[in-house]
Amino acid sequence: MCRFIGAVDLLVAVLQRRRRNFGSRADSDSRIGSWTAPTRMNFFSSEPANDAAALPRAGLHPAHAVSLIVGIVIGAGIFKAPAIVAELTGAPLPMFAAWLLGGLASLIGALCYAELCTAYPHAGGDYHFVGRAYGKPVAFLFAWARFAVITTGSIALLAFIFGDYLQLLLPLPGLAPAAASATYAALAVILLTLLNLRGLRAGTRTQTLLTLAEAGGLLLIVGAALTLPAAQEPATHIAPSALPSTAIPDAGAFGLGMVFVMLSFGGWNEAAYVSAELKDSRRMMVRVLLASIAIITALYLMVIWAYWHGLGLAGMAGAEAVAASLLYQAFGSTGLRVMALLVMIATLTSINATIIVGARASFAAGRDWQQLRRLGDWDSQRNTPANALCAQCLMVLLLVAIGMMAGDGFRAMVEFTAPVFWLFFLLSGLSLFMLRWREPDTPRPFRVPWYPLTPALFCAACAGMLWSSLQHVSRQSLAGVPAAWVGVGLLLAGLALLLFMRRVPPSAIHHPERSSS
């Protein structure tokens, strides 16, 4: 993996435009809280000068950062989404084009994030970019949404998938399947949180091993396809339009297919949350992002080819679990057990990576809001936000308990917050324009090429995904309530909390360390 990062150096050299006067400012700006914002933004400065010892330090190896990003992105989606995309695109060429476009769109977004991460390395990631561009209240709503549902809900859903498969292999005596799944889910979250409380090194080393195992599992799927003869495609087209296999699919169906493709590529932006801890961040972040997107896209295209080769397009579209169908054809009933193991590895990989990056947004919010000061404590010995990790774990466990009682309703609730995610993702992309205008003198070790076209394309893609998610949510309901109100309710709850925090002075909140002094 280290050699692969080095292989993109030439590409980075072509894209990068360095400033000659960068040196001294870059060194002074490499730690969190060292930047000086314009006067009207100085309320967002991160750390007091006397607290430098309790800040993240750069100790993350680039290879570990790549494994983190790859692990977040490649989750359980690659075992289910290809069947949906095959049905919606309806022909091999559009299907492969959709996955290739997903990689290209992610690459464009990664170039935009590379500029933001190298100019403003910070443990807050998107939270920090949004705060600098739009102000502290908007950043708080973003941190609230991540803590309440977006990040913690994703961890809980992944943990449930892990629990569902594990309880099939190892059922717990005396417990119903739902309770056994929730028990396994809670144990996975607790154990991985305890692992990351030991320190960044323990968490990232585990992440690297899990990511390698996950990549090996995907290559096993490709190998299984090679043992099978090429599937024979039916004479008729599977799409509703009944077009020949080389035709262009319906634009609406293709667009909906792209939604599932982009969801499968989602998560690479989480690299921003480790930008302050990456060694030589201003130089290596670009290479980490490009290497990660290249690895993910290559693995996805190989796996999609394997599904298509072994099952054919009609077989993919009609499969309940496309990977399981392929492995069953190749290895029989043993393939189903292998499939269960692959899904569990994939979910554990994503859970661990999301735990690592998820807590850092809460940590950054704790640094900016005195009422949340305890979340802003950093364990300098282990280089980890210990309190934020614990708070995140408790929130996930609460959601697991809710999920056990609500069942599919909980899964729907998390999915219906997708418009909120895409809204803030769009704001993160637009922040590149805002910060170039507002802070033109800030050194930018990497400038996104073909500005403003490249970030405009990224923002357009985010806006399209926001619109598609709103269209999907507008047609759904949850317990008789329009699903659109789930995201609105989430933001209103965050707004209410924000107003409460502004009314309650920090001195009204008891802090043990202050009273003891």
Protein backbone atom coordinates (compact mmCIF):
# COMPACT_ATOMS: atom_id res chain seq x y z
CA MET A 1 0.00 0.00 0.00
CA CYS A 2 2.90 2.35 0.70
CA ARG A 3 4.26 1.69 -2.78
CA PHE A 4 0.84 2.43 -4.26
CA ILE A 5 0.78 5.82 -2.54
CA GLY A 6 4.18 6.54 -4.02
CA ALA A 7 2.88 5.61 -7.47
CA VAL A 8 0.53 8.59 -7.49
CA ASP A 9 3.32 11.07 -6.77
CA LEU A 10 3.72 11.95 -10.44
CA LEU A 11 0.01 12.66 -10.79
CA VAL A 12 0.04 14.81 -7.68
CA ALA A 13 3.06 16.74 -8.96
CA VAL A 14 1.13 17.63 -12.09
CA LEU A 15 -1.95 18.74 -10.17
CA GLN A 16 -0.23 20.64 -7.36
CA ARG A 17 0.61 24.32 -7.64
CA ARG A 18 2.86 25.24 -4.79
CA ARG A 19 3.47 28.74 -3.49
CA ARG A 20 7.06 29.78 -2.92
CA ASN A 21 6.29 31.57 0.32
CA PHE A 22 4.52 28.56 1.80
CA GLY A 23 7.24 27.17 4.08
CA SER A 24 7.17 29.16 7.27
CA ARG A 25 3.40 29.58 7.40
CA ALA A 26 2.81 25.91 6.69
CA ASP A 27 4.90 24.84 9.66
CA SER A 28 3.14 27.21 12.02
CA ASP A 29 -0.29 26.13 10.76
CA SER A 30 0.20 22.39 11.07
CA ARG A 31 -1.46 22.06 14.46
CA ILE A 32 -5.08 22.55 15.35
CA GLY A 33 -6.01 26.00 16.50
CA SER A 34 -2.94 27.73 15.08
CA TRP A 35 -4.73 29.52 12.26
CA THR A 36 -6.00 33.04 12.64
CA ALA A 37 -9.38 33.66 11.07
CA PRO A 38 -10.67 37.03 9.83
CA THR A 39 -12.04 39.29 12.52
CA ARG A 40 -15.64 38.32 12.06
CA MET A 41 -14.73 34.64 12.27
CA ASN A 42 -12.36 34.71 15.24
CA PHE A 43 -15.07 33.29 17.49
CA PHE A 44 -14.30 29.96 15.81
CA SER A 45 -10.64 29.80 16.86
CA SER A 46 -10.09 26.39 18.27
CA GLU A 47 -7.74 26.10 21.20
CA PRO A 48 -6.37 28.43 23.85
CA ALA A 49 -2.62 28.86 23.68
CA ASN A 50 -2.01 27.20 27.01
CA ASP A 51 -3.78 24.00 25.92
CA ALA A 52 -1.44 22.94 23.16
CA ALA A 53 -0.37 19.79 24.97
CA ALA A 54 -3.93 18.40 24.73
CA LEU A 55 -4.19 18.57 20.95
CA PRO A 56 -3.97 15.81 18.33
CA ARG A 57 -0.45 15.20 17.12
CA ALA A 58 0.64 14.02 13.72
CA GLY A 59 1.33 10.31 14.14
CA LEU A 60 -0.90 8.63 11.55
CA HIS A 61 0.97 6.82 8.78
CA PRO A 62 -0.38 7.43 5.24
CA ALA A 63 -0.92 3.69 4.70
CA HIS A 64 -3.12 3.57 7.80
CA ALA A 65 -5.05 6.59 6.52
CA VAL A 66 -5.68 4.79 3.22
CA SER A 67 -6.90 1.68 5.06
CA LEU A 68 -9.19 3.92 7.11
CA ILE A 69 -10.81 5.49 4.04
CA VAL A 70 -11.07 2.22 2.11
CA GLY A 71 -12.57 0.55 5.19
CA ILE A 72 -15.22 3.23 5.62
CA VAL A 73 -16.27 3.22 1.98
CA ILE A 74 -16.33 -0.52 1.27
CA GLY A 75 -19.09 -1.66 3.57
CA ALA A 76 -21.94 -4.08 3.15
CA GLY A 77 -23.32 -2.03 0.25
CA ILE A 78 -21.15 -3.70 -2.38
CA PHE A 79 -22.89 -7.00 -1.59
CA LYS A 80 -26.38 -5.58 -2.26
CA ALA A 81 -26.28 -2.38 -4.33
CA PRO A 82 -24.95 -4.00 -7.57
CA ALA A 83 -28.19 -5.98 -7.97
CA ILE A 84 -30.27 -2.80 -7.73
CA VAL A 85 -27.99 -0.91 -10.12
CA ALA A 86 -28.10 -3.79 -12.63
CA GLU A 87 -31.89 -3.74 -12.60
CA LEU A 88 -32.10 0.04 -13.00
CA THR A 89 -29.48 0.40 -15.74
CA GLY A 90 -30.68 -2.66 -17.63
CA ALA A 91 -27.59 -3.28 -19.79
CA PRO A 92 -23.92 -4.12 -19.20
CA LEU A 93 -22.45 -0.94 -20.71
CA PRO A 94 -24.58 1.53 -18.69
CA MET A 95 -24.05 -0.57 -15.57
CA PHE A 96 -20.27 -0.43 -15.80
CA ALA A 97 -20.48 3.24 -16.79
CA ALA A 98 -22.46 4.01 -13.64
CA TRP A 99 -19.78 2.50 -11.39
CA LEU A 100 -17.01 4.22 -13.34
CA LEU A 101 -18.85 7.55 -13.04
CA GLY A 102 -19.13 6.94 -9.31
CA GLY A 103 -15.37 6.64 -9.08
CA LEU A 104 -14.89 9.75 -11.22
CA ALA A 105 -17.32 11.78 -9.12
CA SER A 106 -15.51 10.65 -5.96
CA LEU A 107 -12.19 11.64 -7.52
CA ILE A 108 -13.52 15.14 -8.27
CA GLY A 109 -14.77 15.46 -4.72
CA ALA A 110 -11.47 14.16 -3.35
CA LEU A 111 -9.59 16.90 -5.23
CA CYS A 112 -11.85 19.51 -3.61
CA TYR A 113 -11.33 18.01 -0.17
CA ALA A 114 -7.59 17.82 -0.79
CA GLU A 115 -7.48 21.62 -1.03
CA LEU A 116 -9.58 22.07 2.11
CA CYS A 117 -7.66 19.47 4.12
CA THR A 118 -4.21 20.77 3.20
CA ALA A 119 -5.16 24.41 3.77
CA TYR A 120 -7.07 23.76 7.02
CA PRO A 121 -5.91 20.50 8.64
CA HIS A 122 -8.18 19.97 11.62
CA ALA A 123 -9.66 17.10 13.62
CA GLY A 124 -13.12 18.59 12.97
CA GLY A 125 -12.99 17.83 9.25
CA ASP A 126 -16.20 18.95 7.52
CA TYR A 127 -17.35 20.53 10.77
CA HIS A 128 -14.34 22.83 10.67
CA PHE A 129 -14.79 23.77 7.00
CA VAL A 130 -18.50 24.50 7.49
CA GLY A 131 -17.76 26.58 10.59
CA ARG A 132 -15.14 28.71 8.90
CA ALA A 133 -17.36 29.30 5.88
CA TYR A 134 -20.81 29.80 7.44
CA GLY A 135 -20.31 30.35 11.14
CA LYS A 136 -20.41 28.52 14.42
CA PRO A 137 -24.20 27.86 14.61
CA VAL A 138 -24.30 26.07 11.25
CA ALA A 139 -21.28 23.99 12.26
CA PHE A 140 -23.01 23.05 15.51
CA LEU A 141 -26.09 21.81 13.64
CA PHE A 142 -23.80 19.69 11.49
CA ALA A 143 -22.03 18.22 14.54
CA TRP A 144 -25.41 17.59 16.17
CA ALA A 145 -26.75 15.77 13.10
CA ARG A 146 -23.64 13.59 12.98
CA PHE A 147 -23.80 12.75 16.67
CA ALA A 148 -27.57 12.19 16.87
CA VAL A 149 -28.18 10.04 13.80
CA ILE A 150 -25.90 10.32 10.77
CA THR A 151 -22.70 8.83 12.20
CA THR A 152 -24.03 7.01 15.23
CA GLY A 153 -27.00 5.67 13.26
CA SER A 154 -24.66 4.37 10.57
CA ILE A 155 -22.58 2.58 13.21
CA ALA A 156 -25.73 1.08 14.73
CA LEU A 157 -27.05 -0.12 11.35
CA LEU A 158 -23.69 -1.70 10.48
CA ALA A 159 -23.60 -3.33 13.90
CA PHE A 160 -27.07 -4.78 13.31
CA ILE A 161 -25.94 -6.25 9.99
CA PHE A 162 -22.97 -7.82 11.78
CA GLY A 163 -25.26 -9.14 14.50
CA ASP A 164 -27.79 -10.54 12.01
CA TYR A 165 -25.16 -12.66 10.29
CA LEU A 166 -23.35 -13.72 13.45
CA GLN A 167 -26.52 -14.89 15.16
CA LEU A 168 -27.24 -17.08 12.14
CA LEU A 169 -23.86 -18.76 12.59
CA LEU A 170 -23.80 -18.67 16.42
CA PRO A 171 -27.33 -18.27 17.83
CA LEU A 172 -27.54 -17.30 21.48
CA PRO A 173 -29.55 -19.79 23.57
CA GLY A 174 -32.69 -18.36 25.13
CA LEU A 175 -32.71 -15.20 23.00
CA ALA A 176 -34.93 -14.38 20.07
CA PRO A 177 -33.08 -13.62 16.82
CA ALA A 178 -33.72 -9.87 17.14
CA ALA A 179 -32.41 -9.80 20.71
CA ALA A 180 -29.39 -11.95 19.79
CA SER A 181 -28.58 -9.66 16.87
CA ALA A 182 -28.83 -6.58 19.10
CA THR A 183 -26.61 -8.25 21.73
CA TYR A 184 -23.91 -9.01 19.17
CA ALA A 185 -24.25 -5.50 17.76
CA ALA A 186 -23.78 -3.90 21.16
CA LEU A 187 -20.79 -6.11 21.96
CA ALA A 188 -19.12 -5.23 18.67
CA VAL A 189 -19.54 -1.49 19.31
CA ILE A 190 -18.29 -1.74 22.90
CA LEU A 191 -15.23 -3.86 22.05
CA LEU A 192 -14.18 -1.68 19.12
CA THR A 193 -14.65 1.48 21.18
CA LEU A 194 -12.50 0.01 23.98
CA LEU A 195 -9.89 -0.87 21.37
CA ASN A 196 -9.80 2.72 20.11
CA LEU A 197 -9.65 4.05 23.65
CA ARG A 198 -6.28 2.32 23.88
CA GLY A 199 -5.02 4.81 21.33
CA LEU A 200 -4.89 5.80 17.69
CA ARG A 201 -2.16 3.27 16.96
CA ALA A 202 -4.21 0.33 18.23
CA GLY A 203 -7.26 1.45 16.28
CA THR A 204 -5.47 2.05 13.00
CA ARG A 205 -3.44 -1.17 13.15
CA THR A 206 -6.66 -3.10 13.64
CA GLN A 207 -8.19 -1.11 10.81
CA THR A 208 -5.36 -2.03 8.45
CA LEU A 209 -5.75 -5.74 9.21
CA LEU A 210 -9.53 -5.59 8.74
CA THR A 211 -9.21 -3.64 5.47
CA LEU A 212 -6.70 -6.15 4.09
CA ALA A 213 -9.04 -8.99 5.03
CA GLU A 214 -11.95 -7.15 3.40
CA ALA A 215 -10.00 -6.53 0.18
CA GLY A 216 -8.98 -10.18 0.20
CA GLY A 217 -12.63 -11.16 0.46
CA LEU A 218 -13.54 -9.06 -2.57
CA LEU A 219 -10.70 -10.63 -4.53
CA LEU A 220 -12.07 -14.03 -3.45
CA ILE A 221 -15.35 -13.09 -5.15
CA VAL A 222 -13.41 -12.27 -8.32
CA GLY A 223 -11.57 -15.58 -8.06
CA ALA A 224 -14.86 -17.43 -7.60
CA ALA A 225 -16.19 -15.84 -10.80
CA LEU A 226 -13.13 -17.02 -12.71
CA THR A 227 -14.00 -20.62 -11.84
CA LEU A 228 -17.41 -20.25 -13.48
CA PRO A 229 -18.23 -20.14 -17.18
CA ALA A 230 -19.50 -16.84 -18.52
CA ALA A 231 -23.22 -16.50 -17.88
CA GLN A 232 -25.48 -16.47 -20.92
CA GLU A 233 -27.52 -13.30 -21.22
CA PRO A 234 -31.21 -13.66 -22.14
CA ALA A 235 -32.29 -12.46 -25.55
CA THR A 236 -34.59 -9.84 -24.10
CA HIS A 237 -33.60 -6.76 -22.17
CA ILE A 238 -34.43 -6.77 -18.48
CA ALA A 239 -35.26 -3.10 -18.18
CA PRO A 240 -38.89 -1.98 -18.46
CA SER A 241 -38.13 -0.13 -21.69
CA ALA A 242 -37.09 -3.40 -23.40
CA LEU A 243 -34.26 -1.68 -25.24
CA PRO A 244 -31.41 -3.67 -26.79
CA SER A 245 -28.47 -4.33 -24.51
CA THR A 246 -26.34 -1.58 -26.05
CA ALA A 247 -28.98 1.15 -25.71
CA ILE A 248 -28.94 4.04 -23.32
CA PRO A 249 -31.26 3.41 -20.34
CA ASP A 250 -34.00 5.73 -19.20
CA ALA A 251 -32.43 8.84 -17.65
CA GLY A 252 -34.56 8.62 -14.52
CA ALA A 253 -33.70 4.97 -13.92
CA PHE A 254 -30.01 5.62 -14.56
CA GLY A 255 -30.09 8.57 -12.17
CA LEU A 256 -31.68 6.45 -9.45
CA GLY A 257 -29.04 3.81 -10.08
CA MET A 258 -26.37 6.47 -9.58
CA VAL A 259 -27.88 7.20 -6.16
CA PHE A 260 -27.06 3.64 -5.06
CA VAL A 261 -23.64 3.82 -6.70
CA MET A 262 -22.80 7.04 -4.87
CA LEU A 263 -24.02 5.57 -1.59
CA SER A 264 -21.60 2.69 -2.15
CA PHE A 265 -18.79 5.21 -2.71
CA GLY A 266 -19.77 7.33 0.29
CA GLY A 267 -17.35 7.90 3.14
CA TRP A 268 -14.09 9.01 1.50
CA ASN A 269 -14.68 12.55 2.82
CA GLU A 270 -14.12 11.21 6.35
CA ALA A 271 -10.40 11.52 5.62
CA ALA A 272 -10.78 15.17 6.60
CA TYR A 273 -11.19 14.13 10.24
CA VAL A 274 -7.67 12.73 10.44
CA SER A 275 -6.00 15.56 8.51
CA ALA A 276 -4.55 16.97 11.73
CA GLU A 277 -3.08 13.58 12.71
CA LEU A 278 -1.64 12.51 9.36
CA LYS A 279 2.14 12.66 9.11
CA ASP A 280 3.20 15.42 6.72
CA SER A 281 -0.47 16.13 6.16
CA ARG A 282 -0.07 19.02 3.74
CA ARG A 283 1.92 16.88 1.33
CA MET A 284 0.49 13.40 1.92
CA MET A 285 -3.26 14.10 2.16
CA VAL A 286 -3.62 14.49 -1.60
CA ARG A 287 -1.87 11.19 -2.23
CA VAL A 288 -3.89 9.42 0.45
CA LEU A 289 -7.17 10.58 -1.10
CA LEU A 290 -6.16 9.73 -4.67
CA ALA A 291 -4.76 6.32 -3.69
CA SER A 292 -7.90 5.49 -1.70
CA ILE A 293 -10.28 6.41 -4.53
CA ALA A 294 -8.17 4.45 -7.03
CA ILE A 295 -8.16 1.32 -4.84
CA ILE A 296 -11.90 1.53 -4.14
CA THR A 297 -12.82 2.09 -7.79
CA ALA A 298 -10.59 -0.75 -8.99
CA LEU A 299 -12.00 -3.19 -6.41
CA TYR A 300 -15.57 -2.19 -7.22
CA LEU A 301 -15.13 -2.60 -10.97
CA MET A 302 -13.52 -6.01 -10.50
CA VAL A 303 -16.34 -7.17 -8.23
CA ILE A 304 -19.05 -5.85 -10.60
CA TRP A 305 -17.34 -7.71 -13.44
CA ALA A 306 -17.28 -10.87 -11.31
CA TYR A 307 -21.02 -10.63 -10.61
CA TRP A 308 -21.77 -10.01 -14.28
CA HIS A 309 -19.46 -12.80 -15.50
CA GLY A 310 -20.82 -15.39 -13.09
CA LEU A 311 -24.51 -14.47 -12.99
CA GLY A 312 -25.21 -12.33 -16.04
CA LEU A 313 -27.16 -9.11 -15.91
CA ALA A 314 -30.53 -10.82 -15.42
CA GLY A 315 -29.07 -13.00 -12.68
CA MET A 316 -27.68 -9.94 -10.92
CA ALA A 317 -30.94 -8.03 -11.14
CA GLY A 318 -32.96 -10.96 -9.84
CA ALA A 319 -30.67 -11.85 -6.95
CA GLU A 320 -31.69 -11.09 -3.38
CA ALA A 321 -28.02 -11.27 -2.35
CA VAL A 322 -25.86 -11.06 -5.45
CA ALA A 323 -22.59 -12.02 -3.76
CA ALA A 324 -24.21 -14.98 -2.02
CA SER A 325 -25.67 -16.20 -5.32
CA LEU A 326 -22.26 -16.08 -6.99
CA LEU A 327 -20.44 -17.83 -4.14
CA TYR A 328 -23.16 -20.48 -3.93
CA GLN A 329 -22.70 -21.24 -7.63
CA ALA A 330 -18.96 -21.51 -7.13
CA PHE A 331 -18.69 -23.32 -3.79
CA GLY A 332 -22.15 -24.61 -2.92
CA SER A 333 -23.37 -24.30 0.67
CA THR A 334 -19.82 -23.51 1.81
CA GLY A 335 -20.05 -20.35 -0.28
CA LEU A 336 -22.96 -19.12 1.84
CA ARG A 337 -20.88 -19.42 5.02
CA VAL A 338 -18.01 -17.65 3.27
CA MET A 339 -20.46 -14.91 2.28
CA ALA A 340 -21.58 -14.46 5.88
CA LEU A 341 -17.96 -14.16 6.98
CA LEU A 342 -17.22 -11.57 4.27
CA VAL A 343 -20.19 -9.43 5.30
CA MET A 344 -19.16 -9.57 8.96
CA ILE A 345 -15.60 -8.53 8.09
CA ALA A 346 -16.88 -5.69 5.90
CA THR A 347 -19.21 -4.39 8.61
CA LEU A 348 -16.55 -4.60 11.33
CA THR A 349 -14.15 -2.73 9.05
CA SER A 350 -16.63 0.09 8.49
CA ILE A 351 -17.70 0.19 12.15
CA ASN A 352 -14.14 0.55 13.41
CA ALA A 353 -13.25 3.24 10.86
CA THR A 354 -16.44 5.19 11.54
CA ILE A 355 -15.82 5.03 15.29
CA ILE A 356 -12.36 6.53 14.76
CA VAL A 357 -13.45 9.46 12.61
CA GLY A 358 -16.92 9.97 14.08
CA ALA A 359 -15.75 10.97 17.53
CA ARG A 360 -13.50 13.70 16.15
CA ALA A 361 -16.39 15.92 15.06
CA SER A 362 -17.76 15.79 18.62
CA PHE A 363 -14.29 16.56 19.94
CA ALA A 364 -14.05 19.64 17.70
CA ALA A 365 -17.48 20.82 18.83
CA GLY A 366 -16.36 20.40 22.42
CA ARG A 367 -13.39 22.69 21.74
CA ASP A 368 -15.67 25.40 20.36
CA TRP A 369 -18.52 25.25 22.88
CA GLN A 370 -17.69 25.57 26.55
CA GLN A 371 -20.98 23.88 27.46
CA LEU A 372 -19.63 20.76 25.72
CA ARG A 373 -16.13 21.20 27.08
CA ARG A 374 -15.80 17.63 28.31
CA LEU A 375 -16.16 16.34 24.77
CA GLY A 376 -13.17 18.49 23.83
CA ASP A 377 -10.75 16.68 26.14
CA TRP A 378 -7.92 14.96 24.27
CA ASP A 379 -5.91 12.07 25.73
CA SER A 380 -2.46 13.24 24.66
CA GLN A 381 -0.81 10.01 25.84
CA ARG A 382 -2.94 7.81 23.58
CA ASN A 383 -3.62 10.50 20.96
CA THR A 384 -7.37 9.98 21.01
CA PRO A 385 -10.55 11.92 22.01
CA ALA A 386 -11.46 9.63 24.90
CA ASN A 387 -14.58 11.42 26.16
CA ALA A 388 -15.98 11.89 22.67
CA LEU A 389 -15.45 8.19 21.97
CA CYS A 390 -17.31 7.25 25.15
CA ALA A 391 -20.19 9.63 24.41
CA GLN A 392 -20.44 8.27 20.87
CA CYS A 393 -20.49 4.70 22.17
CA LEU A 394 -23.32 5.48 24.60
CA MET A 395 -25.34 7.14 21.83
CA VAL A 396 -24.84 4.15 19.53
CA LEU A 397 -25.91 1.75 22.28
CA LEU A 398 -29.05 3.83 22.81
CA LEU A 399 -29.80 3.62 19.09
CA VAL A 400 -29.17 -0.14 19.14
CA ALA A 401 -31.75 -0.46 21.93
CA ILE A 402 -34.20 1.66 19.94
CA GLY A 403 -33.46 -0.38 16.83
CA MET A 404 -34.16 -3.64 18.64
CA MET A 405 -37.61 -2.34 19.59
CA ALA A 406 -38.44 -0.48 16.38
CA GLY A 407 -36.99 -2.97 13.88
CA ASP A 408 -37.32 -1.78 10.30
CA GLY A 409 -38.71 1.53 11.53
CA PHE A 410 -35.31 2.42 12.97
CA ARG A 411 -33.54 1.54 9.72
CA ALA A 412 -36.02 3.71 7.83
CA MET A 413 -35.50 6.58 10.28
CA VAL A 414 -31.73 6.56 9.66
CA GLU A 415 -32.20 6.30 5.90
CA PHE A 416 -34.66 9.19 5.91
CA THR A 417 -32.00 11.51 7.31
CA ALA A 418 -30.05 11.15 4.04
CA PRO A 419 -31.19 14.61 2.81
CA VAL A 420 -29.59 16.17 5.89
CA PHE A 421 -26.31 14.43 5.10
CA TRP A 422 -26.33 15.59 1.48
CA LEU A 423 -27.27 19.12 2.54
CA PHE A 424 -24.18 19.45 4.72
CA PHE A 425 -22.04 17.65 2.15
CA LEU A 426 -23.13 20.28 -0.37
CA LEU A 427 -22.30 23.04 2.12
CA SER A 428 -18.83 21.51 2.57
CA GLY A 429 -18.27 21.67 -1.18
CA LEU A 430 -19.53 25.25 -1.39
CA SER A 431 -17.22 26.18 1.49
CA LEU A 432 -14.29 25.88 -0.92
CA PHE A 433 -15.68 28.84 -2.86
CA MET A 434 -16.50 30.73 0.33
CA LEU A 435 -13.06 30.28 1.85
CA ARG A 436 -11.22 31.23 -1.33
CA TRP A 437 -13.21 34.45 -1.35
CA ARG A 438 -13.10 35.10 2.39
CA GLU A 439 -9.51 34.01 3.07
CA PRO A 440 -7.60 34.55 -0.18
CA ASP A 441 -4.22 34.88 1.55
CA THR A 442 -4.36 31.53 3.32
CA PRO A 443 -1.55 29.30 1.96
CA ARG A 444 -2.98 26.43 -0.07
CA PRO A 445 -0.35 23.72 -0.65
CA PHE A 446 -2.73 22.08 -3.09
CA ARG A 447 -5.19 23.94 -5.29
CA VAL A 448 -7.95 22.00 -6.96
CA PRO A 449 -7.25 21.94 -10.71
CA TRP A 450 -9.57 23.61 -13.21
CA TYR A 451 -11.14 25.84 -10.59
CA PRO A 452 -14.02 26.75 -10.51
CA LEU A 453 -15.23 23.98 -12.84
CA THR A 454 -14.09 21.05 -10.69
CA PRO A 455 -15.71 22.15 -7.40
CA ALA A 456 -18.79 23.27 -9.35
CA LEU A 457 -19.16 19.74 -10.73
CA PHE A 458 -18.76 18.30 -7.24
CA CYS A 459 -21.39 20.66 -5.81
CA ALA A 460 -23.72 19.86 -8.70
CA ALA A 461 -23.35 16.14 -7.93
CA CYS A 462 -24.14 16.79 -4.25
CA ALA A 463 -27.15 18.92 -5.21
CA GLY A 464 -28.37 16.13 -7.49
CA MET A 465 -28.02 13.58 -4.70
CA LEU A 466 -29.82 15.95 -2.31
CA TRP A 467 -32.68 16.30 -4.80
CA SER A 468 -32.86 12.54 -5.40
CA SER A 469 -32.90 11.80 -1.67
CA LEU A 470 -35.64 14.39 -1.14
CA GLN A 471 -37.66 12.83 -3.94
CA HIS A 472 -37.26 9.41 -2.33
CA VAL A 473 -38.13 10.64 1.14
CA SER A 474 -41.15 12.63 -0.07
CA ARG A 475 -42.77 9.38 -1.25
CA GLN A 476 -42.20 7.53 2.03
CA SER A 477 -43.81 7.57 5.44
CA LEU A 478 -42.85 6.37 8.90
CA ALA A 479 -45.64 5.35 11.29
CA GLY A 480 -48.06 7.41 9.23
CA VAL A 481 -45.88 10.52 9.36
CA PRO A 482 -44.33 11.89 6.13
CA ALA A 483 -40.70 10.80 6.11
CA ALA A 484 -39.51 14.29 5.19
CA TRP A 485 -40.27 15.35 8.76
CA VAL A 486 -37.57 13.01 10.10
CA GLY A 487 -34.77 15.21 8.74
CA VAL A 488 -36.65 18.39 9.62
CA GLY A 489 -37.18 17.13 13.16
CA LEU A 490 -33.49 16.33 13.48
CA LEU A 491 -32.50 19.87 12.51
CA LEU A 492 -35.19 21.43 14.72
CA ALA A 493 -33.97 19.41 17.70
CA GLY A 494 -30.43 20.64 17.04
CA LEU A 495 -31.69 24.22 16.72
CA ALA A 496 -33.53 23.92 20.05
CA LEU A 497 -30.38 22.60 21.71
CA LEU A 498 -28.37 25.44 20.16
CA LEU A 499 -30.79 28.06 21.51
CA PHE A 500 -30.69 26.43 24.95
CA MET A 501 -26.90 26.44 24.99
CA ARG A 502 -26.83 30.10 24.06
CA ARG A 503 -29.19 30.93 26.93
CA VAL A 504 -27.24 28.89 29.49
CA PRO A 505 -23.84 30.40 30.28
CA PRO A 506 -20.89 27.98 30.43
CA SER A 507 -20.40 28.81 34.11
CA ALA A 508 -23.81 27.29 34.88
CA ILE A 509 -22.56 23.85 33.86
CA HIS A 510 -20.60 22.01 36.54
CA HIS A 511 -17.09 20.92 35.57
CA PRO A 512 -15.37 18.75 38.20
CA GLU A 513 -11.92 19.86 37.18
CA ARG A 514 -12.85 23.50 37.73
CA SER A 515 -14.48 22.97 41.13
CA SER A 516 -11.53 20.97 42.35
CA SER A 517 -9.18 23.79 41.48
